[in-house]
Amino acid sequence: MRVFVGIVTKVIYGLVLVLGLVPRHWAVRLADALGALSYALDTRHRRIALENLKRAFGREKTPAQLKRIAVAAFQNLVRIAFEIGWSLRLRPEEIMHHCRIQGLTHLRKAHAQGKGVLILTLHIGNWELLPLGVLVNGLKASLIYRPLDFEPADNFFYRYRSRFGAQPIPKKKSMRKVLSALKQQACIGILLDQDSGRTAGVFADFFGHSACTNKGMALLALKTKAPVLPAYLIRQGLDFEIVFGQEIPLIRAFQDGDDIQANTAQYNRVLEEIIRSHPEQWLWMHKRWKTHPPPV
């Protein structure tokens, strides 16, 4: 079995590497064509994306506008695959030649507090490249992730994410490793834009609707006093922009449970603002409002 997993992992690596050999201008055209085709054929995720978009923007945008955003979101996903292949052949400085960093002073100011940094981020643009914005500036980077069910694919992404020195931390039972990383002054990326399930989450407003959101970020911030900093990477033509926002003030004014909910709601507001600025690059195909609040 281990031999099979190893072989399939190498096959995946080879296929992704081949994608990276396509010249970037052609890769964009090919990715957009494949993304539009995926939108047309993948009825399940197309329905989810359109339902999410209607929930978020139904009063602001026309059905035609919602469809254009949905198609672009599918195209964004396919572009990521080509960009991962492209980046496999490059050194960090070669990748960063195509990136512009905004708000680096916010990151340095937060890191100077000496408590590590909690990076609030989301599935927008090409999130796989975001840790480089931390690493190339001489800081440690860790990221919390959910292992994929298909082991060869999970192996590939683990190696891809860690190849420049980032430390991926599996989501399950991650608290001890996260606390250790913070003590080592690491910047820890946490994707907070997906449904967490009732056990791991609290309900907080997101685009005007109650969304079950992982409470881990708020718990960590309250426990460690580590600064929380929003960060994301968006695509600008063939290049990228990495944005580090200002530190999000910690709310500590209520009882523990209320503090967790209040801070989580604050994080959702920040994420919503980012998505509103670049809706075509967010992952609308995820069931963000899958878990419903208990009846009152």
C-alpha atoms as a PDB file:
ATOM      1  CA  MET A   1       0.000   0.000   0.000  1.00  0.00           C
ATOM      2  CA  ARG A   2       2.794   2.447   0.874  1.00  0.00           C
ATOM      3  CA  VAL A   3       4.448   1.738  -2.468  1.00  0.00           C
ATOM      4  CA  PHE A   4       1.176   2.488  -4.275  1.00  0.00           C
ATOM      5  CA  VAL A   5       0.733   5.754  -2.370  1.00  0.00           C
ATOM      6  CA  GLY A   6       4.304   6.758  -3.192  1.00  0.00           C
ATOM      7  CA  ILE A   7       3.851   6.036  -6.891  1.00  0.00           C
ATOM      8  CA  VAL A   8       0.573   7.958  -7.130  1.00  0.00           C
ATOM      9  CA  THR A   9       2.128  10.895  -5.245  1.00  0.00           C
ATOM     10  CA  LYS A  10       4.921  11.022  -7.842  1.00  0.00           C
ATOM     11  CA  VAL A  11       2.360  10.839 -10.659  1.00  0.00           C
ATOM     12  CA  ILE A  12       0.474  13.793  -9.191  1.00  0.00           C
ATOM     13  CA  TYR A  13       3.734  15.726  -8.848  1.00  0.00           C
ATOM     14  CA  GLY A  14       4.584  15.000 -12.479  1.00  0.00           C
ATOM     15  CA  LEU A  15       1.165  16.027 -13.769  1.00  0.00           C
ATOM     16  CA  VAL A  16       1.213  19.293 -11.835  1.00  0.00           C
ATOM     17  CA  LEU A  17       4.743  19.968 -13.043  1.00  0.00           C
ATOM     18  CA  VAL A  18       3.557  19.526 -16.633  1.00  0.00           C
ATOM     19  CA  LEU A  19       0.868  22.151 -16.042  1.00  0.00           C
ATOM     20  CA  GLY A  20       3.606  24.511 -14.968  1.00  0.00           C
ATOM     21  CA  LEU A  21       5.408  24.087 -18.301  1.00  0.00           C
ATOM     22  CA  VAL A  22       2.565  25.817 -20.134  1.00  0.00           C
ATOM     23  CA  PRO A  23       3.573  29.455 -20.830  1.00  0.00           C
ATOM     24  CA  ARG A  24       1.708  31.658 -18.395  1.00  0.00           C
ATOM     25  CA  HIS A  25      -0.295  33.659 -20.953  1.00  0.00           C
ATOM     26  CA  TRP A  26      -1.504  30.412 -22.501  1.00  0.00           C
ATOM     27  CA  ALA A  27      -2.092  28.912 -19.072  1.00  0.00           C
ATOM     28  CA  VAL A  28      -4.486  31.736 -18.194  1.00  0.00           C
ATOM     29  CA  ARG A  29      -6.500  31.208 -21.380  1.00  0.00           C
ATOM     30  CA  LEU A  30      -6.540  27.464 -20.947  1.00  0.00           C
ATOM     31  CA  ALA A  31      -7.475  27.722 -17.268  1.00  0.00           C
ATOM     32  CA  ASP A  32     -10.310  30.121 -18.037  1.00  0.00           C
ATOM     33  CA  ALA A  33     -11.661  27.806 -20.721  1.00  0.00           C
ATOM     34  CA  LEU A  34     -11.444  24.796 -18.411  1.00  0.00           C
ATOM     35  CA  GLY A  35     -12.988  26.777 -15.566  1.00  0.00           C
ATOM     36  CA  ALA A  36     -15.937  27.816 -17.723  1.00  0.00           C
ATOM     37  CA  LEU A  37     -16.346  24.198 -18.808  1.00  0.00           C
ATOM     38  CA  SER A  38     -16.226  23.058 -15.193  1.00  0.00           C
ATOM     39  CA  TYR A  39     -18.934  25.589 -14.332  1.00  0.00           C
ATOM     40  CA  ALA A  40     -21.107  24.182 -17.104  1.00  0.00           C
ATOM     41  CA  LEU A  41     -20.581  20.516 -16.222  1.00  0.00           C
ATOM     42  CA  ASP A  42     -20.313  20.526 -12.421  1.00  0.00           C
ATOM     43  CA  THR A  43     -23.972  21.114 -11.641  1.00  0.00           C
ATOM     44  CA  ARG A  44     -23.614  20.434  -7.897  1.00  0.00           C
ATOM     45  CA  HIS A  45     -20.930  23.017  -7.199  1.00  0.00           C
ATOM     46  CA  ARG A  46     -22.460  25.462  -9.682  1.00  0.00           C
ATOM     47  CA  ARG A  47     -25.699  25.316  -7.692  1.00  0.00           C
ATOM     48  CA  ILE A  48     -23.853  25.826  -4.399  1.00  0.00           C
ATOM     49  CA  ALA A  49     -21.917  28.799  -5.790  1.00  0.00           C
ATOM     50  CA  LEU A  50     -25.011  30.514  -7.164  1.00  0.00           C
ATOM     51  CA  GLU A  51     -26.961  29.904  -3.949  1.00  0.00           C
ATOM     52  CA  ASN A  52     -24.120  31.374  -1.892  1.00  0.00           C
ATOM     53  CA  LEU A  53     -23.810  34.374  -4.184  1.00  0.00           C
ATOM     54  CA  LYS A  54     -27.545  35.012  -4.077  1.00  0.00           C
ATOM     55  CA  ARG A  55     -27.441  34.816  -0.283  1.00  0.00           C
ATOM     56  CA  ALA A  56     -24.537  37.269  -0.125  1.00  0.00           C
ATOM     57  CA  PHE A  57     -25.346  39.673  -2.976  1.00  0.00           C
ATOM     58  CA  GLY A  58     -28.948  38.914  -3.987  1.00  0.00           C
ATOM     59  CA  ARG A  59     -30.111  42.432  -3.142  1.00  0.00           C
ATOM     60  CA  GLU A  60     -27.090  44.132  -4.695  1.00  0.00           C
ATOM     61  CA  LYS A  61     -26.346  42.323  -7.946  1.00  0.00           C
ATOM     62  CA  THR A  62     -28.339  40.999 -10.894  1.00  0.00           C
ATOM     63  CA  PRO A  63     -28.522  37.279 -11.756  1.00  0.00           C
ATOM     64  CA  ALA A  64     -26.210  37.945 -14.724  1.00  0.00           C
ATOM     65  CA  GLN A  65     -23.633  39.556 -12.417  1.00  0.00           C
ATOM     66  CA  LEU A  66     -23.866  36.657  -9.982  1.00  0.00           C
ATOM     67  CA  LYS A  67     -23.299  34.193 -12.810  1.00  0.00           C
ATOM     68  CA  ARG A  68     -20.203  36.088 -13.996  1.00  0.00           C
ATOM     69  CA  ILE A  69     -18.741  35.969 -10.484  1.00  0.00           C
ATOM     70  CA  ALA A  70     -19.505  32.243 -10.206  1.00  0.00           C
ATOM     71  CA  VAL A  71     -17.818  31.455 -13.533  1.00  0.00           C
ATOM     72  CA  ALA A  72     -14.783  33.534 -12.510  1.00  0.00           C
ATOM     73  CA  ALA A  73     -14.582  31.615  -9.209  1.00  0.00           C
ATOM     74  CA  PHE A  74     -14.403  28.319 -11.117  1.00  0.00           C
ATOM     75  CA  GLN A  75     -11.731  29.802 -13.375  1.00  0.00           C
ATOM     76  CA  ASN A  76      -9.773  30.983 -10.324  1.00  0.00           C
ATOM     77  CA  LEU A  77      -9.585  27.414  -9.009  1.00  0.00           C
ATOM     78  CA  VAL A  78      -8.187  26.085 -12.282  1.00  0.00           C
ATOM     79  CA  ARG A  79      -5.667  28.919 -12.454  1.00  0.00           C
ATOM     80  CA  ILE A  80      -4.375  27.861  -9.035  1.00  0.00           C
ATOM     81  CA  ALA A  81      -3.525  24.412 -10.410  1.00  0.00           C
ATOM     82  CA  PHE A  82      -1.445  25.924 -13.222  1.00  0.00           C
ATOM     83  CA  GLU A  83       0.210  28.368 -10.813  1.00  0.00           C
ATOM     84  CA  ILE A  84       1.170  25.583  -8.422  1.00  0.00           C
ATOM     85  CA  GLY A  85       2.853  23.803 -11.322  1.00  0.00           C
ATOM     86  CA  TRP A  86       4.571  27.021 -12.383  1.00  0.00           C
ATOM     87  CA  SER A  87       5.848  27.705  -8.858  1.00  0.00           C
ATOM     88  CA  LEU A  88       7.223  24.148  -8.440  1.00  0.00           C
ATOM     89  CA  ARG A  89      10.114  25.036 -10.750  1.00  0.00           C
ATOM     90  CA  LEU A  90      11.019  28.314  -9.057  1.00  0.00           C
ATOM     91  CA  ARG A  91      12.976  29.512  -6.059  1.00  0.00           C
ATOM     92  CA  PRO A  92      11.195  31.750  -3.516  1.00  0.00           C
ATOM     93  CA  GLU A  93      12.839  34.921  -4.811  1.00  0.00           C
ATOM     94  CA  GLU A  94      11.777  34.060  -8.366  1.00  0.00           C
ATOM     95  CA  ILE A  95       8.161  33.676  -7.271  1.00  0.00           C
ATOM     96  CA  MET A  96       8.309  36.875  -5.236  1.00  0.00           C
ATOM     97  CA  HIS A  97       9.517  38.718  -8.322  1.00  0.00           C
ATOM     98  CA  HIS A  98       5.869  38.447  -9.412  1.00  0.00           C
ATOM     99  CA  CYS A  99       4.453  39.575  -6.042  1.00  0.00           C
ATOM    100  CA  ARG A 100       3.929  42.994  -4.537  1.00  0.00           C
ATOM    101  CA  ILE A 101       3.593  43.194  -0.761  1.00  0.00           C
ATOM    102  CA  GLN A 102       1.321  45.750   0.848  1.00  0.00           C
ATOM    103  CA  GLY A 103       1.238  46.398   4.587  1.00  0.00           C
ATOM    104  CA  LEU A 104       4.527  44.735   5.529  1.00  0.00           C
ATOM    105  CA  THR A 105       4.936  47.266   8.341  1.00  0.00           C
ATOM    106  CA  HIS A 106       1.763  45.874   9.937  1.00  0.00           C
ATOM    107  CA  LEU A 107       3.302  42.389   9.969  1.00  0.00           C
ATOM    108  CA  ARG A 108       6.597  43.592  11.424  1.00  0.00           C
ATOM    109  CA  LYS A 109       4.835  45.667  14.084  1.00  0.00           C
ATOM    110  CA  ALA A 110       2.705  42.694  15.135  1.00  0.00           C
ATOM    111  CA  HIS A 111       5.686  40.329  15.184  1.00  0.00           C
ATOM    112  CA  ALA A 112       7.709  42.772  17.287  1.00  0.00           C
ATOM    113  CA  GLN A 113       5.297  42.176  20.185  1.00  0.00           C
ATOM    114  CA  GLY A 114       7.125  38.874  20.763  1.00  0.00           C
ATOM    115  CA  LYS A 115       4.066  36.632  21.001  1.00  0.00           C
ATOM    116  CA  GLY A 116       3.986  35.225  17.494  1.00  0.00           C
ATOM    117  CA  VAL A 117       1.282  36.288  15.048  1.00  0.00           C
ATOM    118  CA  LEU A 118      -2.096  34.752  14.227  1.00  0.00           C
ATOM    119  CA  ILE A 119      -2.742  35.297  10.510  1.00  0.00           C
ATOM    120  CA  LEU A 120      -6.448  35.517   9.701  1.00  0.00           C
ATOM    121  CA  THR A 121      -6.855  34.426   6.093  1.00  0.00           C
ATOM    122  CA  LEU A 122      -9.245  32.835   3.619  1.00  0.00           C
ATOM    123  CA  HIS A 123      -9.571  30.888   0.360  1.00  0.00           C
ATOM    124  CA  ILE A 124      -9.141  33.810  -1.997  1.00  0.00           C
ATOM    125  CA  GLY A 125      -6.830  34.380  -4.961  1.00  0.00           C
ATOM    126  CA  ASN A 126      -4.041  31.811  -4.711  1.00  0.00           C
ATOM    127  CA  TRP A 127      -3.862  31.210  -0.973  1.00  0.00           C
ATOM    128  CA  GLU A 128      -1.196  28.528  -1.441  1.00  0.00           C
ATOM    129  CA  LEU A 129       1.421  31.205  -2.185  1.00  0.00           C
ATOM    130  CA  LEU A 130       0.599  33.422   0.805  1.00  0.00           C
ATOM    131  CA  PRO A 131       3.141  31.908   3.284  1.00  0.00           C
ATOM    132  CA  LEU A 132       5.968  33.069   1.027  1.00  0.00           C
ATOM    133  CA  GLY A 133       5.121  36.645   1.948  1.00  0.00           C
ATOM    134  CA  VAL A 134       6.102  35.768   5.512  1.00  0.00           C
ATOM    135  CA  LEU A 135       9.062  33.487   4.812  1.00  0.00           C
ATOM    136  CA  VAL A 136      10.927  35.817   2.439  1.00  0.00           C
ATOM    137  CA  ASN A 137      10.923  38.466   5.147  1.00  0.00           C
ATOM    138  CA  GLY A 138      12.871  36.241   7.517  1.00  0.00           C
ATOM    139  CA  LEU A 139       9.941  35.154   9.696  1.00  0.00           C
ATOM    140  CA  LYS A 140       8.729  31.656  10.540  1.00  0.00           C
ATOM    141  CA  ALA A 141       5.471  30.531   8.967  1.00  0.00           C
ATOM    142  CA  SER A 142       3.082  27.774   9.987  1.00  0.00           C
ATOM    143  CA  LEU A 143      -0.351  26.991   8.639  1.00  0.00           C
ATOM    144  CA  ILE A 144      -3.230  24.956   9.985  1.00  0.00           C
ATOM    145  CA  TYR A 145      -4.751  22.654   7.362  1.00  0.00           C
ATOM    146  CA  ARG A 146      -7.238  19.807   7.076  1.00  0.00           C
ATOM    147  CA  PRO A 147      -5.550  16.716   5.604  1.00  0.00           C
ATOM    148  CA  LEU A 148      -7.101  15.527   2.352  1.00  0.00           C
ATOM    149  CA  ASP A 149      -8.915  12.202   2.311  1.00  0.00           C
ATOM    150  CA  PHE A 150      -6.876  11.008  -0.704  1.00  0.00           C
ATOM    151  CA  GLU A 151      -3.448  10.317   0.804  1.00  0.00           C
ATOM    152  CA  PRO A 152      -1.309  10.820  -2.339  1.00  0.00           C
ATOM    153  CA  ALA A 153      -2.871  14.252  -2.910  1.00  0.00           C
ATOM    154  CA  ASP A 154      -2.387  15.081   0.767  1.00  0.00           C
ATOM    155  CA  ASN A 155       1.275  14.036   0.513  1.00  0.00           C
ATOM    156  CA  PHE A 156       1.752  16.272  -2.497  1.00  0.00           C
ATOM    157  CA  PHE A 157       0.272  19.333  -0.831  1.00  0.00           C
ATOM    158  CA  TYR A 158       2.170  18.730   2.408  1.00  0.00           C
ATOM    159  CA  ARG A 159       5.459  18.700   0.502  1.00  0.00           C
ATOM    160  CA  TYR A 160       4.415  21.673  -1.626  1.00  0.00           C
ATOM    161  CA  ARG A 161       3.461  23.761   1.392  1.00  0.00           C
ATOM    162  CA  SER A 162       6.559  22.887   3.405  1.00  0.00           C
ATOM    163  CA  ARG A 163       9.223  22.998   0.687  1.00  0.00           C
ATOM    164  CA  PHE A 164      10.400  26.545   1.504  1.00  0.00           C
ATOM    165  CA  GLY A 165      10.329  26.122   5.269  1.00  0.00           C
ATOM    166  CA  ALA A 166       6.672  26.606   6.232  1.00  0.00           C
ATOM    167  CA  GLN A 167       5.407  24.159   8.865  1.00  0.00           C
ATOM    168  CA  PRO A 168       1.958  22.709   8.067  1.00  0.00           C
ATOM    169  CA  ILE A 169      -0.005  21.734  11.190  1.00  0.00           C
ATOM    170  CA  PRO A 170      -2.864  19.206  10.814  1.00  0.00           C
ATOM    171  CA  LYS A 171      -6.105  20.705  12.107  1.00  0.00           C
ATOM    172  CA  LYS A 172      -7.056  17.814  14.401  1.00  0.00           C
ATOM    173  CA  LYS A 173      -5.581  18.175  17.902  1.00  0.00           C
ATOM    174  CA  SER A 174      -3.466  21.095  16.748  1.00  0.00           C
ATOM    175  CA  MET A 175      -3.552  23.261  19.895  1.00  0.00           C
ATOM    176  CA  ARG A 176      -0.289  22.040  21.437  1.00  0.00           C
ATOM    177  CA  LYS A 177       1.652  22.455  18.174  1.00  0.00           C
ATOM    178  CA  VAL A 178       0.155  25.885  17.585  1.00  0.00           C
ATOM    179  CA  LEU A 179       1.101  27.082  21.071  1.00  0.00           C
ATOM    180  CA  SER A 180       4.621  25.747  20.556  1.00  0.00           C
ATOM    181  CA  ALA A 181       4.903  27.555  17.216  1.00  0.00           C
ATOM    182  CA  LEU A 182       3.726  30.825  18.772  1.00  0.00           C
ATOM    183  CA  LYS A 183       6.401  30.508  21.472  1.00  0.00           C
ATOM    184  CA  GLN A 184       8.924  30.241  18.632  1.00  0.00           C
ATOM    185  CA  GLN A 185       7.603  33.548  17.217  1.00  0.00           C
ATOM    186  CA  ALA A 186       5.958  31.914  14.211  1.00  0.00           C
ATOM    187  CA  CYS A 187       3.241  33.506  12.085  1.00  0.00           C
ATOM    188  CA  ILE A 188       0.402  30.988  11.936  1.00  0.00           C
ATOM    189  CA  GLY A 189      -2.081  31.097   9.074  1.00  0.00           C
ATOM    190  CA  ILE A 190      -5.650  30.075   9.875  1.00  0.00           C
ATOM    191  CA  LEU A 191      -8.279  29.840   7.121  1.00  0.00           C
ATOM    192  CA  LEU A 192     -11.480  30.960   8.824  1.00  0.00           C
ATOM    193  CA  ASP A 193     -13.905  31.215   5.910  1.00  0.00           C
ATOM    194  CA  GLN A 194     -15.468  27.735   5.905  1.00  0.00           C
ATOM    195  CA  ASP A 195     -18.263  26.057   7.827  1.00  0.00           C
ATOM    196  CA  SER A 196     -16.783  24.501  10.966  1.00  0.00           C
ATOM    197  CA  GLY A 197     -19.614  22.319  12.219  1.00  0.00           C
ATOM    198  CA  ARG A 198     -21.502  22.990  15.420  1.00  0.00           C
ATOM    199  CA  THR A 199     -18.941  21.388  17.780  1.00  0.00           C
ATOM    200  CA  ALA A 200     -15.942  23.456  16.672  1.00  0.00           C
ATOM    201  CA  GLY A 201     -17.718  26.694  15.913  1.00  0.00           C
ATOM    202  CA  VAL A 202     -19.849  29.586  17.067  1.00  0.00           C
ATOM    203  CA  PHE A 203     -22.478  31.408  15.026  1.00  0.00           C
ATOM    204  CA  ALA A 204     -21.580  34.869  13.772  1.00  0.00           C
ATOM    205  CA  ASP A 205     -22.919  37.140  11.068  1.00  0.00           C
ATOM    206  CA  PHE A 206     -21.451  36.706   7.590  1.00  0.00           C
ATOM    207  CA  PHE A 207     -22.989  38.629   4.693  1.00  0.00           C
ATOM    208  CA  GLY A 208     -26.088  39.230   6.789  1.00  0.00           C
ATOM    209  CA  HIS A 209     -26.642  35.580   7.693  1.00  0.00           C
ATOM    210  CA  SER A 210     -25.612  33.514  10.707  1.00  0.00           C
ATOM    211  CA  ALA A 211     -22.618  31.328   9.787  1.00  0.00           C
ATOM    212  CA  CYS A 212     -21.004  28.634  11.907  1.00  0.00           C
ATOM    213  CA  THR A 213     -17.389  29.793  12.205  1.00  0.00           C
ATOM    214  CA  ASN A 214     -14.439  28.045  13.821  1.00  0.00           C
ATOM    215  CA  LYS A 215     -13.778  29.487  17.272  1.00  0.00           C
ATOM    216  CA  GLY A 216     -10.116  28.431  17.344  1.00  0.00           C
ATOM    217  CA  MET A 217      -8.745  31.819  16.281  1.00  0.00           C
ATOM    218  CA  ALA A 218     -10.609  33.637  19.038  1.00  0.00           C
ATOM    219  CA  LEU A 219      -9.637  31.019  21.619  1.00  0.00           C
ATOM    220  CA  LEU A 220      -5.963  31.327  20.696  1.00  0.00           C
ATOM    221  CA  ALA A 221      -6.031  35.120  20.703  1.00  0.00           C
ATOM    222  CA  LEU A 222      -7.708  35.246  24.105  1.00  0.00           C
ATOM    223  CA  LYS A 223      -5.375  32.617  25.582  1.00  0.00           C
ATOM    224  CA  THR A 224      -2.034  33.829  24.218  1.00  0.00           C
ATOM    225  CA  LYS A 225      -2.653  37.554  23.529  1.00  0.00           C
ATOM    226  CA  ALA A 226      -0.923  36.964  20.183  1.00  0.00           C
ATOM    227  CA  PRO A 227      -1.895  39.711  17.714  1.00  0.00           C
ATOM    228  CA  VAL A 228      -4.375  38.802  14.977  1.00  0.00           C
ATOM    229  CA  LEU A 229      -3.512  40.146  11.544  1.00  0.00           C
ATOM    230  CA  PRO A 230      -5.588  39.699   8.358  1.00  0.00           C
ATOM    231  CA  ALA A 231      -3.613  38.688   5.284  1.00  0.00           C
ATOM    232  CA  TYR A 232      -4.468  37.446   1.813  1.00  0.00           C
ATOM    233  CA  LEU A 233      -3.059  37.073  -1.691  1.00  0.00           C
ATOM    234  CA  ILE A 234      -4.988  38.147  -4.764  1.00  0.00           C
ATOM    235  CA  ARG A 235      -4.205  37.881  -8.433  1.00  0.00           C
ATOM    236  CA  GLN A 236      -3.430  41.031 -10.429  1.00  0.00           C
ATOM    237  CA  GLY A 237      -3.169  39.931 -14.039  1.00  0.00           C
ATOM    238  CA  LEU A 238      -0.218  37.544 -14.201  1.00  0.00           C
ATOM    239  CA  ASP A 239       1.181  38.868 -10.937  1.00  0.00           C
ATOM    240  CA  PHE A 240       0.029  38.816  -7.325  1.00  0.00           C
ATOM    241  CA  GLU A 241      -0.514  41.209  -4.465  1.00  0.00           C
ATOM    242  CA  ILE A 242       0.041  40.091  -0.872  1.00  0.00           C
ATOM    243  CA  VAL A 243      -1.832  42.258   1.614  1.00  0.00           C
ATOM    244  CA  PHE A 244      -1.186  42.408   5.360  1.00  0.00           C
ATOM    245  CA  GLY A 245      -3.884  44.392   7.116  1.00  0.00           C
ATOM    246  CA  GLN A 246      -3.789  46.211  10.420  1.00  0.00           C
ATOM    247  CA  GLU A 247      -3.938  44.248  13.666  1.00  0.00           C
ATOM    248  CA  ILE A 248      -7.487  43.457  14.751  1.00  0.00           C
ATOM    249  CA  PRO A 249      -7.993  44.659  18.350  1.00  0.00           C
ATOM    250  CA  LEU A 250      -8.826  41.910  20.829  1.00  0.00           C
ATOM    251  CA  ILE A 251     -12.259  42.197  22.437  1.00  0.00           C
ATOM    252  CA  ARG A 252     -12.282  41.257  26.091  1.00  0.00           C
ATOM    253  CA  ALA A 253     -15.337  42.808  27.646  1.00  0.00           C
ATOM    254  CA  PHE A 254     -17.725  39.969  28.365  1.00  0.00           C
ATOM    255  CA  GLN A 255     -17.696  36.459  29.781  1.00  0.00           C
ATOM    256  CA  ASP A 256     -15.518  33.874  28.035  1.00  0.00           C
ATOM    257  CA  GLY A 257     -18.177  32.524  25.702  1.00  0.00           C
ATOM    258  CA  ASP A 258     -19.315  36.012  24.700  1.00  0.00           C
ATOM    259  CA  ASP A 259     -15.719  37.113  24.113  1.00  0.00           C
ATOM    260  CA  ILE A 260     -15.215  34.198  21.738  1.00  0.00           C
ATOM    261  CA  GLN A 261     -18.367  35.049  19.820  1.00  0.00           C
ATOM    262  CA  ALA A 262     -17.596  38.771  19.690  1.00  0.00           C
ATOM    263  CA  ASN A 263     -14.075  38.270  18.363  1.00  0.00           C
ATOM    264  CA  THR A 264     -15.225  35.665  15.842  1.00  0.00           C
ATOM    265  CA  ALA A 265     -17.902  38.058  14.581  1.00  0.00           C
ATOM    266  CA  GLN A 266     -15.201  40.702  14.199  1.00  0.00           C
ATOM    267  CA  TYR A 267     -13.073  38.312  12.139  1.00  0.00           C
ATOM    268  CA  ASN A 268     -16.034  37.513   9.891  1.00  0.00           C
ATOM    269  CA  ARG A 269     -16.570  41.218   9.215  1.00  0.00           C
ATOM    270  CA  VAL A 270     -12.949  41.567   8.103  1.00  0.00           C
ATOM    271  CA  LEU A 271     -13.210  38.520   5.816  1.00  0.00           C
ATOM    272  CA  GLU A 272     -16.467  39.788   4.336  1.00  0.00           C
ATOM    273  CA  GLU A 273     -14.833  43.108   3.495  1.00  0.00           C
ATOM    274  CA  ILE A 274     -11.990  41.306   1.695  1.00  0.00           C
ATOM    275  CA  ILE A 275     -14.403  39.117  -0.272  1.00  0.00           C
ATOM    276  CA  ARG A 276     -16.515  42.108  -1.273  1.00  0.00           C
ATOM    277  CA  SER A 277     -13.400  43.694  -2.768  1.00  0.00           C
ATOM    278  CA  HIS A 278     -12.547  40.589  -4.842  1.00  0.00           C
ATOM    279  CA  PRO A 279     -15.666  38.368  -5.054  1.00  0.00           C
ATOM    280  CA  GLU A 280     -14.553  36.663  -8.272  1.00  0.00           C
ATOM    281  CA  GLN A 281     -11.499  35.172  -6.526  1.00  0.00           C
ATOM    282  CA  TRP A 282     -13.241  33.609  -3.505  1.00  0.00           C
ATOM    283  CA  LEU A 283     -14.260  29.955  -3.109  1.00  0.00           C
ATOM    284  CA  TRP A 284     -18.029  30.259  -3.534  1.00  0.00           C
ATOM    285  CA  MET A 285     -18.391  26.498  -4.188  1.00  0.00           C
ATOM    286  CA  HIS A 286     -18.140  25.643  -0.471  1.00  0.00           C
ATOM    287  CA  LYS A 287     -21.332  25.253   1.621  1.00  0.00           C
ATOM    288  CA  ARG A 288     -20.501  28.170   3.895  1.00  0.00           C
ATOM    289  CA  TRP A 289     -23.931  28.239   5.558  1.00  0.00           C
ATOM    290  CA  LYS A 290     -24.308  24.447   5.819  1.00  0.00           C
ATOM    291  CA  THR A 291     -24.723  24.353   9.621  1.00  0.00           C
ATOM    292  CA  HIS A 292     -27.870  26.088  10.811  1.00  0.00           C
ATOM    293  CA  PRO A 293     -28.310  27.797  14.187  1.00  0.00           C
ATOM    294  CA  PRO A 294     -30.404  25.907  16.736  1.00  0.00           C
ATOM    295  CA  PRO A 295     -34.071  26.966  16.795  1.00  0.00           C
ATOM    296  CA  VAL A 296     -34.826  29.789  19.190  1.00  0.00           C
END
